[in-house]
């Protein structure tokens, strides 16, 4: 199921696609809801690629023979899909079958100033409730304190924190203001 989450400090809304058999959360987190963005600012725009190009790229990522700086990240992401699921992903992307429905999420709420933050790329790697180790490298964020989350995000921004995913996380953290980092940390800490 595809999920896109927009965090507003007064509510949290999930956008989901319920008709898909494959989970494209991570894909959308980096490539955009309609695969319209260059992932991490460096990939091709998948939406502009031909069906055969996408299929070949995904299969080559799966076998470790495609990609530059994101080769290992993409290999881990694609390895979980069968060839049949890869074909389904390609069909979804090229036919624009991504239909969004709005669904309310009541288990995480905050009541401070209204800041709207798109946390798709966070959820794609860390899980909907920040319960996963991102790509097998990171700490589990929902086990961290609010202060630790803020310190790590600020460390990613200034280059003083991180190991394997440092460059990837720096790109994400640089997009966030101090208030947005604090809002995300507060939301995660309150959900624990």
Protein backbone atom coordinates (compact mmCIF):
# COMPACT_ATOMS: atom_id res chain seq x y z
CA UNK A 1 0.00 0.00 0.00
CA UNK A 2 1.35 3.47 -0.88
CA UNK A 3 1.27 5.95 1.93
CA UNK A 4 2.00 9.63 1.87
CA UNK A 5 1.91 11.52 5.11
CA UNK A 6 1.61 15.23 5.71
CA UNK A 7 2.30 16.21 9.30
CA UNK A 8 0.35 19.14 10.62
CA UNK A 9 0.87 19.79 14.28
CA UNK A 10 -2.84 19.88 14.80
CA UNK A 11 -3.60 16.70 12.84
CA UNK A 12 -1.89 13.96 10.91
CA UNK A 13 -3.36 12.83 7.60
CA UNK A 14 -2.48 9.74 5.62
CA UNK A 15 -2.91 9.56 1.88
CA UNK A 16 -3.16 5.97 0.80
CA UNK A 17 -3.64 3.94 -2.30
CA UNK A 18 -5.56 0.83 -1.37
CA UNK A 19 -5.66 -0.94 -4.71
CA UNK A 20 -1.99 -1.89 -4.99
CA UNK A 21 -0.43 -5.21 -4.07
CA UNK A 22 3.09 -3.76 -3.67
CA UNK A 23 4.25 -1.29 -1.03
CA UNK A 24 5.77 1.73 -2.77
CA UNK A 25 6.08 3.90 0.34
CA UNK A 26 9.86 4.11 0.13
CA UNK A 27 9.80 4.75 -3.62
CA UNK A 28 7.37 7.64 -3.24
CA UNK A 29 9.32 9.02 -0.30
CA UNK A 30 12.29 9.71 -2.58
CA UNK A 31 10.83 9.87 -6.11
CA UNK A 32 7.57 11.73 -5.35
CA UNK A 33 3.96 10.66 -5.31
CA UNK A 34 3.80 10.44 -9.10
CA UNK A 35 7.52 9.63 -9.56
CA UNK A 36 7.97 13.22 -10.72
CA UNK A 37 11.10 14.10 -8.70
CA UNK A 38 14.75 13.20 -9.07
CA UNK A 39 15.39 11.08 -5.95
CA UNK A 40 17.75 12.91 -3.59
CA UNK A 41 18.18 15.43 -6.39
CA UNK A 42 20.41 13.07 -8.39
CA UNK A 43 18.35 10.38 -10.11
CA UNK A 44 16.53 10.53 -13.42
CA UNK A 45 12.88 11.54 -13.18
CA UNK A 46 11.25 8.12 -13.40
CA UNK A 47 7.96 9.50 -14.71
CA UNK A 48 9.82 10.73 -17.82
CA UNK A 49 11.43 7.35 -18.54
CA UNK A 50 10.06 4.76 -20.97
CA UNK A 51 8.52 1.58 -19.57
CA UNK A 52 11.42 -0.55 -20.84
CA UNK A 53 14.00 1.81 -19.29
CA UNK A 54 12.34 1.66 -15.87
CA UNK A 55 12.02 -2.11 -16.00
CA UNK A 56 15.66 -2.57 -17.03
CA UNK A 57 16.92 -0.13 -14.38
CA UNK A 58 14.96 -1.84 -11.58
CA UNK A 59 16.11 -5.32 -12.59
CA UNK A 60 19.72 -4.12 -12.84
CA UNK A 61 19.46 -2.44 -9.42
CA UNK A 62 18.16 -5.74 -8.04
CA UNK A 63 21.20 -7.57 -9.40
CA UNK A 64 23.64 -4.82 -8.37
CA UNK A 65 24.68 -3.83 -11.88
CA UNK A 66 23.05 -0.38 -12.12
CA UNK A 67 23.40 2.99 -10.45
CA UNK A 68 26.04 5.29 -9.12
CA UNK A 69 26.06 6.67 -5.59
CA UNK A 70 22.62 5.25 -4.80
CA UNK A 71 23.35 1.73 -6.10
CA UNK A 72 23.51 0.05 -2.67
CA UNK A 73 20.44 1.89 -1.37
CA UNK A 74 18.41 0.99 -4.45
CA UNK A 75 19.63 -2.61 -4.44
CA UNK A 76 18.31 -3.04 -0.88
CA UNK A 77 14.97 -1.49 -1.84
CA UNK A 78 14.44 -3.49 -5.02
CA UNK A 79 15.73 -6.82 -3.64
CA UNK A 80 12.46 -7.32 -1.74
CA UNK A 81 10.38 -7.32 -4.94
CA UNK A 82 9.82 -10.30 -7.24
CA UNK A 83 10.09 -9.85 -11.01
CA UNK A 84 6.28 -9.93 -11.17
CA UNK A 85 6.08 -7.12 -8.58
CA UNK A 86 8.70 -5.13 -10.49
CA UNK A 87 6.52 -5.44 -13.60
CA UNK A 88 3.52 -4.24 -11.54
CA UNK A 89 5.52 -1.25 -10.27
CA UNK A 90 6.49 -0.33 -13.83
CA UNK A 91 2.87 -0.63 -14.97
CA UNK A 92 1.70 1.57 -12.09
CA UNK A 93 4.29 4.26 -12.83
CA UNK A 94 3.74 4.33 -16.58
CA UNK A 95 -0.05 4.18 -16.52
CA UNK A 96 -0.52 6.73 -13.70
CA UNK A 97 -2.74 4.29 -11.78
CA UNK A 98 -1.90 5.97 -8.49
CA UNK A 99 -5.25 7.09 -7.10
CA UNK A 100 -5.12 8.92 -3.78
CA UNK A 101 -7.76 8.60 -1.10
CA UNK A 102 -7.72 10.56 2.14
CA UNK A 103 -7.88 8.72 5.43
CA UNK A 104 -7.84 10.21 8.94
CA UNK A 105 -5.21 9.03 11.40
CA UNK A 106 -6.19 9.44 15.03
CA UNK A 107 -3.36 7.74 16.93
CA UNK A 108 -0.89 10.64 16.58
CA UNK A 109 -2.02 14.18 17.34
CA UNK A 110 -0.38 17.30 18.67
CA UNK A 111 -1.84 20.65 19.58
CA UNK A 112 0.72 23.38 19.00
CA UNK A 113 1.13 25.95 16.30
CA UNK A 114 0.12 24.86 12.86
CA UNK A 115 3.15 23.80 10.83
CA UNK A 116 2.70 21.53 7.85
CA UNK A 117 5.57 19.16 7.10
CA UNK A 118 5.68 16.48 4.43
CA UNK A 119 7.35 13.46 6.05
CA UNK A 120 7.02 11.05 3.10
CA UNK A 121 10.75 10.55 2.80
CA UNK A 122 11.00 9.86 6.55
CA UNK A 123 8.25 7.24 6.52
CA UNK A 124 9.61 5.61 3.39
CA UNK A 125 12.77 4.56 5.22
CA UNK A 126 11.92 4.74 8.94
CA UNK A 127 8.38 3.32 8.86
CA UNK A 128 4.99 4.90 9.45
CA UNK A 129 5.60 5.08 13.19
CA UNK A 130 9.39 5.50 12.90
CA UNK A 131 9.69 1.89 14.09
CA UNK A 132 12.21 0.65 11.50
CA UNK A 133 15.96 0.89 11.20
CA UNK A 134 16.27 2.88 7.96
CA UNK A 135 17.73 0.61 5.29
CA UNK A 136 19.20 -1.49 8.09
CA UNK A 137 21.66 1.24 9.17
CA UNK A 138 19.96 3.73 11.47
CA UNK A 139 18.85 3.73 15.06
CA UNK A 140 15.13 3.15 15.54
CA UNK A 141 13.88 6.72 15.82
CA UNK A 142 10.79 6.01 17.93
CA UNK A 143 13.11 4.64 20.63
CA UNK A 144 15.04 7.93 20.77
CA UNK A 145 14.21 10.86 23.04
CA UNK A 146 12.97 14.14 21.58
CA UNK A 147 16.33 15.69 22.46
CA UNK A 148 18.28 12.90 20.70
CA UNK A 149 16.15 13.26 17.56
CA UNK A 150 16.70 17.02 17.48
CA UNK A 151 20.45 16.64 18.11
CA UNK A 152 20.86 14.02 15.39
CA UNK A 153 18.87 16.02 12.81
CA UNK A 154 20.87 19.16 13.58
CA UNK A 155 24.04 17.06 13.38
CA UNK A 156 23.02 15.82 9.93
CA UNK A 157 22.43 19.45 8.90
CA UNK A 158 25.86 20.64 10.02
CA UNK A 159 27.74 17.47 9.02
CA UNK A 160 28.73 16.37 12.53
CA UNK A 161 26.48 13.30 12.79
CA UNK A 162 25.93 10.09 10.86
CA UNK A 163 27.76 7.25 9.20
CA UNK A 164 26.59 5.24 6.15
CA UNK A 165 23.53 7.36 5.47
CA UNK A 166 25.08 10.72 6.40
CA UNK A 167 24.87 12.25 2.90
CA UNK A 168 21.33 11.01 2.33
CA UNK A 169 20.11 12.30 5.70
CA UNK A 170 21.93 15.63 5.31
CA UNK A 171 19.91 16.20 2.13
CA UNK A 172 16.69 15.52 4.02
CA UNK A 173 17.60 17.51 7.16
CA UNK A 174 18.68 20.56 5.16
CA UNK A 175 15.09 20.95 3.96
CA UNK A 176 13.81 21.39 7.54
CA UNK A 177 13.78 24.49 9.71
CA UNK A 178 14.59 24.36 13.42
CA UNK A 179 10.86 24.55 14.19
CA UNK A 180 10.06 21.71 11.79
CA UNK A 181 12.76 19.47 13.30
CA UNK A 182 11.39 20.18 16.76
CA UNK A 183 7.84 19.47 15.58
CA UNK A 184 8.81 16.11 14.09
CA UNK A 185 10.77 15.16 17.23
CA UNK A 186 7.85 16.14 19.43
CA UNK A 187 5.39 14.13 17.32
CA UNK A 188 7.58 11.02 17.44
CA UNK A 189 8.23 11.36 21.19
CA UNK A 190 4.50 11.79 21.94
CA UNK A 191 3.65 8.67 19.95
CA UNK A 192 5.96 6.45 22.05
